[in-house]
Amino acid sequence: MIKTENLSKIFRTEEVETKALNNVNLHVKEGEFVAIMGPSGCGKSTLLNIIGLLDNPSEGAYMFNGKEVGKYKEGSRTQERKGNIGFVFQSFNLIDELTVFENVELPLIYLKIKASERKRLVNEVLERMNIGHRTKHFPQQLSGGQQQRVAIARAVVANPKLILADEPTGNLDSKNGMEVMDLLTELNRQGTTIVMVTHSDRDANYAHRIVNLFDGKIVTESRKDPALV
């Protein structure tokens, strides 16, 4: 599903050039659960943004579902993301002025799905995330764990092939964090490919494979038997 070849990302100002990614070669198969780890500033989030078609590489190639997408302009990247990629962020990124239902409904509106079908899909996914009793609440009326459940519901409501999670338990206590990781694991077992950036060894152990970045390069990879996850 994901293939990068000699992928590099350079950020330039008038005085400074920073190489955030340096010849990264990463392959992710459909159905895998991959954790990306490394110290702050090593390029984890930059790599996730490129995989998620939020940014382009400076050099190298990026293949997504068999297509070279690394040079796509913003409009083409947006179209490619729709229905294919869901995002889960550390800070939830819910819209405070919208109810739980309306937050989860947003991706379906962008996909121009009719209202009756949107209602069915949103209610189904909220029940699946055990948050169906909160549809009319606003984000600030929910606990952190509940907000992240809503964010995951929003990420998966359009049944994307890929979920990208950036520190999904970073703002949660251990109990809520484990519940979120269990949700992601269950989604992966149902066939969704997951790429997760994390600082947490505990969270990384849910993955099939751990990729370690340092100074913009992949320095080690380790695999585990999916049957043991």
Protein backbone atom coordinates (compact mmCIF):
# COMPACT_ATOMS: atom_id res chain seq x y z
CA MET A 1 0.00 0.00 0.00
CA ILE A 2 2.81 2.41 0.96
CA LYS A 3 6.23 2.49 -0.64
CA THR A 4 8.82 5.23 -0.29
CA GLU A 5 12.12 5.23 -2.17
CA ASN A 6 15.00 7.47 -1.06
CA LEU A 7 12.46 9.86 0.40
CA SER A 8 13.90 13.14 1.71
CA LYS A 9 12.34 16.31 3.07
CA ILE A 10 14.26 19.55 3.37
CA PHE A 11 12.95 22.65 5.12
CA ARG A 12 14.67 25.89 4.11
CA THR A 13 14.70 29.39 5.48
CA GLU A 14 16.90 32.25 4.30
CA GLU A 15 19.65 31.20 6.70
CA VAL A 16 19.09 27.55 7.59
CA GLU A 17 18.53 24.29 5.71
CA THR A 18 17.17 21.38 7.76
CA LYS A 19 16.97 17.84 6.39
CA ALA A 20 14.01 16.39 8.28
CA LEU A 21 14.01 13.10 6.31
CA ASN A 22 17.06 11.56 4.68
CA ASN A 23 16.67 8.76 2.09
CA VAL A 24 13.84 6.94 3.85
CA ASN A 25 12.86 3.59 2.31
CA LEU A 26 9.67 2.27 3.88
CA HIS A 27 7.22 -0.39 2.67
CA VAL A 28 3.87 -0.99 4.38
CA LYS A 29 1.63 -3.81 3.18
CA GLU A 30 -2.15 -3.65 3.22
CA GLY A 31 -3.43 -4.84 6.60
CA GLU A 32 -0.22 -4.11 8.52
CA PHE A 33 0.00 -2.20 11.80
CA VAL A 34 3.28 -0.26 11.86
CA ALA A 35 4.60 1.92 14.70
CA ILE A 36 7.15 4.66 13.97
CA MET A 37 9.32 5.62 16.94
CA GLY A 38 12.26 7.91 17.67
CA PRO A 39 13.24 10.99 19.68
CA SER A 40 11.56 14.37 19.23
CA GLY A 41 12.70 16.07 16.03
CA CYS A 42 13.76 12.86 14.27
CA GLY A 43 11.22 13.26 11.43
CA LYS A 44 8.35 11.04 12.58
CA SER A 45 5.54 13.54 12.08
CA THR A 46 7.10 14.81 8.83
CA LEU A 47 7.06 11.25 7.47
CA LEU A 48 3.46 10.77 8.61
CA ASN A 49 2.41 14.02 6.90
CA ILE A 50 3.93 12.86 3.61
CA ILE A 51 2.35 9.40 3.89
CA GLY A 52 -0.96 11.15 4.61
CA LEU A 53 -0.62 13.40 1.55
CA LEU A 54 -0.56 16.53 3.68
CA ASP A 55 2.88 17.43 2.29
CA ASN A 56 5.21 16.50 -0.56
CA PRO A 57 8.74 15.09 -0.30
CA SER A 58 11.64 17.26 -1.50
CA GLU A 59 13.34 14.26 -3.14
CA GLY A 60 12.57 10.62 -3.81
CA ALA A 61 9.37 8.76 -4.66
CA TYR A 62 6.19 7.94 -2.77
CA MET A 63 3.82 5.26 -4.07
CA PHE A 64 0.34 4.96 -2.53
CA ASN A 65 -1.88 2.12 -3.71
CA GLY A 66 0.40 1.64 -6.71
CA LYS A 67 0.38 5.30 -7.80
CA GLU A 68 3.26 7.76 -7.64
CA VAL A 69 1.74 10.55 -5.57
CA GLY A 70 4.87 12.31 -4.27
CA LYS A 71 4.61 15.14 -6.79
CA TYR A 72 0.86 15.66 -6.58
CA LYS A 73 -0.31 19.24 -6.15
CA GLU A 74 -2.54 20.07 -3.18
CA GLY A 75 -5.85 19.58 -5.01
CA SER A 76 -4.84 16.12 -6.24
CA ARG A 77 -3.58 15.15 -2.79
CA THR A 78 -6.91 16.20 -1.28
CA GLN A 79 -8.83 14.05 -3.76
CA GLU A 80 -6.56 11.07 -3.09
CA ARG A 81 -7.04 11.41 0.68
CA LYS A 82 -10.84 11.43 0.46
CA GLY A 83 -12.23 8.09 1.54
CA ASN A 84 -8.76 6.51 1.53
CA ILE A 85 -7.01 7.97 4.60
CA GLY A 86 -8.28 8.71 8.10
CA PHE A 87 -6.32 10.73 10.67
CA VAL A 88 -6.20 10.45 14.47
CA PHE A 89 -4.28 13.18 16.32
CA GLN A 90 -2.95 13.57 19.86
CA SER A 91 -5.01 16.73 20.35
CA PHE A 92 -8.23 15.14 18.97
CA ASN A 93 -8.82 18.11 16.58
CA LEU A 94 -12.57 18.08 17.10
CA ILE A 95 -14.58 21.22 16.28
CA ASP A 96 -15.92 22.63 19.55
CA GLU A 97 -18.95 24.30 17.93
CA LEU A 98 -20.19 21.00 16.43
CA THR A 99 -21.88 18.14 18.25
CA VAL A 100 -20.36 14.67 18.37
CA PHE A 101 -22.67 13.60 15.54
CA GLU A 102 -21.73 16.62 13.40
CA ASN A 103 -17.99 16.13 13.96
CA VAL A 104 -18.16 12.52 12.80
CA GLU A 105 -20.44 13.42 9.88
CA LEU A 106 -17.98 15.92 8.35
CA PRO A 107 -15.94 13.49 6.16
CA LEU A 108 -19.17 12.12 4.70
CA ILE A 109 -20.35 15.62 3.76
CA TYR A 110 -17.06 16.16 1.89
CA LEU A 111 -17.69 12.86 0.08
CA LYS A 112 -21.18 14.14 -0.91
CA ILE A 113 -22.98 11.20 0.70
CA LYS A 114 -26.72 11.82 1.04
CA ALA A 115 -28.13 12.78 4.43
CA SER A 116 -30.02 9.56 5.19
CA GLU A 117 -26.93 7.46 4.49
CA ARG A 118 -24.77 9.83 6.55
CA LYS A 119 -27.10 9.42 9.52
CA ARG A 120 -26.94 5.62 9.29
CA LEU A 121 -23.15 5.52 8.96
CA VAL A 122 -22.52 8.00 11.79
CA ASN A 123 -24.86 6.24 14.22
CA GLU A 124 -23.32 2.87 13.35
CA VAL A 125 -19.75 3.98 13.95
CA LEU A 126 -20.61 5.83 17.18
CA GLU A 127 -22.27 2.69 18.55
CA ARG A 128 -19.23 0.69 17.49
CA MET A 129 -17.02 3.10 19.48
CA ASN A 130 -19.36 2.88 22.51
CA ILE A 131 -20.11 6.59 22.32
CA GLY A 132 -23.59 6.42 20.74
CA HIS A 133 -25.23 7.89 23.86
CA ARG A 134 -23.28 11.14 23.38
CA THR A 135 -24.35 12.13 19.85
CA LYS A 136 -25.83 15.48 20.89
CA HIS A 137 -23.04 16.46 23.26
CA PHE A 138 -20.27 18.90 22.36
CA PRO A 139 -16.58 17.95 22.62
CA GLN A 140 -15.99 20.03 25.77
CA GLN A 141 -18.70 18.02 27.54
CA LEU A 142 -16.70 14.80 27.06
CA SER A 143 -13.70 13.28 28.81
CA GLY A 144 -10.40 13.00 26.94
CA GLY A 145 -10.97 9.31 26.31
CA GLN A 146 -14.44 9.98 24.92
CA GLN A 147 -13.10 12.76 22.68
CA GLN A 148 -10.50 10.41 21.22
CA ARG A 149 -13.22 7.81 20.58
CA VAL A 150 -15.13 10.47 18.64
CA ALA A 151 -11.95 11.36 16.73
CA ILE A 152 -11.43 7.69 15.82
CA ALA A 153 -15.07 7.42 14.77
CA ARG A 154 -14.57 10.42 12.48
CA ALA A 155 -11.41 8.82 11.05
CA VAL A 156 -13.12 5.51 10.21
CA VAL A 157 -16.68 6.57 9.31
CA ALA A 158 -15.88 6.59 5.58
CA ASN A 159 -14.20 3.17 5.87
CA PRO A 160 -10.72 4.32 4.77
CA LYS A 161 -8.06 1.84 3.73
CA LEU A 162 -5.45 3.55 5.92
CA ILE A 163 -5.48 5.20 9.36
CA LEU A 164 -2.60 7.46 10.36
CA ALA A 165 -2.34 8.03 14.12
CA ASP A 166 -0.01 10.69 15.55
CA GLU A 167 0.55 10.04 19.29
CA PRO A 168 -3.09 8.88 19.67
CA THR A 169 -2.78 8.31 23.45
CA GLY A 170 -0.48 11.26 24.20
CA ASN A 171 -3.14 13.27 26.04
CA LEU A 172 -4.81 10.32 27.80
CA ASP A 173 -4.33 8.51 31.10
CA SER A 174 -3.21 4.89 30.97
CA LYS A 175 -6.72 3.36 31.16
CA ASN A 176 -8.15 5.49 28.35
CA GLY A 177 -4.93 5.05 26.39
CA MET A 178 -5.25 1.27 26.53
CA GLU A 179 -8.88 1.48 25.42
CA VAL A 180 -7.88 3.60 22.41
CA MET A 181 -5.11 1.15 21.49
CA ASP A 182 -7.56 -1.75 21.80
CA LEU A 183 -9.89 0.09 19.39
CA LEU A 184 -7.09 0.61 16.87
CA THR A 185 -6.07 -3.04 17.20
CA GLU A 186 -9.63 -4.17 16.55
CA LEU A 187 -9.86 -1.93 13.45
CA ASN A 188 -6.60 -3.45 12.22
CA ARG A 189 -7.93 -6.97 12.76
CA GLN A 190 -10.91 -6.00 10.61
CA GLY A 191 -8.51 -5.13 7.77
CA THR A 192 -7.61 -1.45 8.20
CA THR A 193 -3.93 -0.61 7.67
CA ILE A 194 -2.55 1.51 10.52
CA VAL A 195 0.63 3.60 10.69
CA MET A 196 1.16 5.15 14.12
CA VAL A 197 3.74 7.61 15.43
CA THR A 198 4.39 7.13 19.14
CA HIS A 199 6.88 7.72 21.95
CA SER A 200 5.26 4.93 23.99
CA ASP A 201 6.89 1.50 24.10
CA ARG A 202 3.60 0.14 25.44
CA ASP A 203 1.62 1.48 22.46
CA ALA A 204 4.29 0.36 19.97
CA ASN A 205 3.96 -3.20 21.23
CA TYR A 206 0.46 -3.34 19.74
CA ALA A 207 2.00 -3.06 16.25
CA HIS A 208 3.24 -5.85 13.98
CA ARG A 209 6.39 -3.90 13.18
CA ILE A 210 8.34 -1.09 14.85
CA VAL A 211 10.37 1.32 12.70
CA ASN A 212 12.90 3.49 14.54
CA LEU A 213 13.90 6.86 13.09
CA PHE A 214 16.93 8.90 14.10
CA ASP A 215 18.06 12.14 12.44
CA GLY A 216 15.62 11.57 9.57
CA LYS A 217 16.82 8.04 8.79
CA ILE A 218 15.43 4.59 9.51
CA VAL A 219 18.02 3.02 11.81
CA THR A 220 16.31 -0.20 12.90
CA GLU A 221 13.18 -2.26 12.22
CA SER A 222 11.75 -5.06 14.31
CA ARG A 223 8.86 -7.41 13.59
CA LYS A 224 6.62 -9.50 15.75
CA ASP A 225 4.22 -12.33 14.99
CA PRO A 226 0.78 -10.74 14.36
CA ALA A 227 -0.75 -13.75 16.12
CA LEU A 228 0.88 -12.54 19.35
CA VAL A 229 -0.38 -8.96 19.04
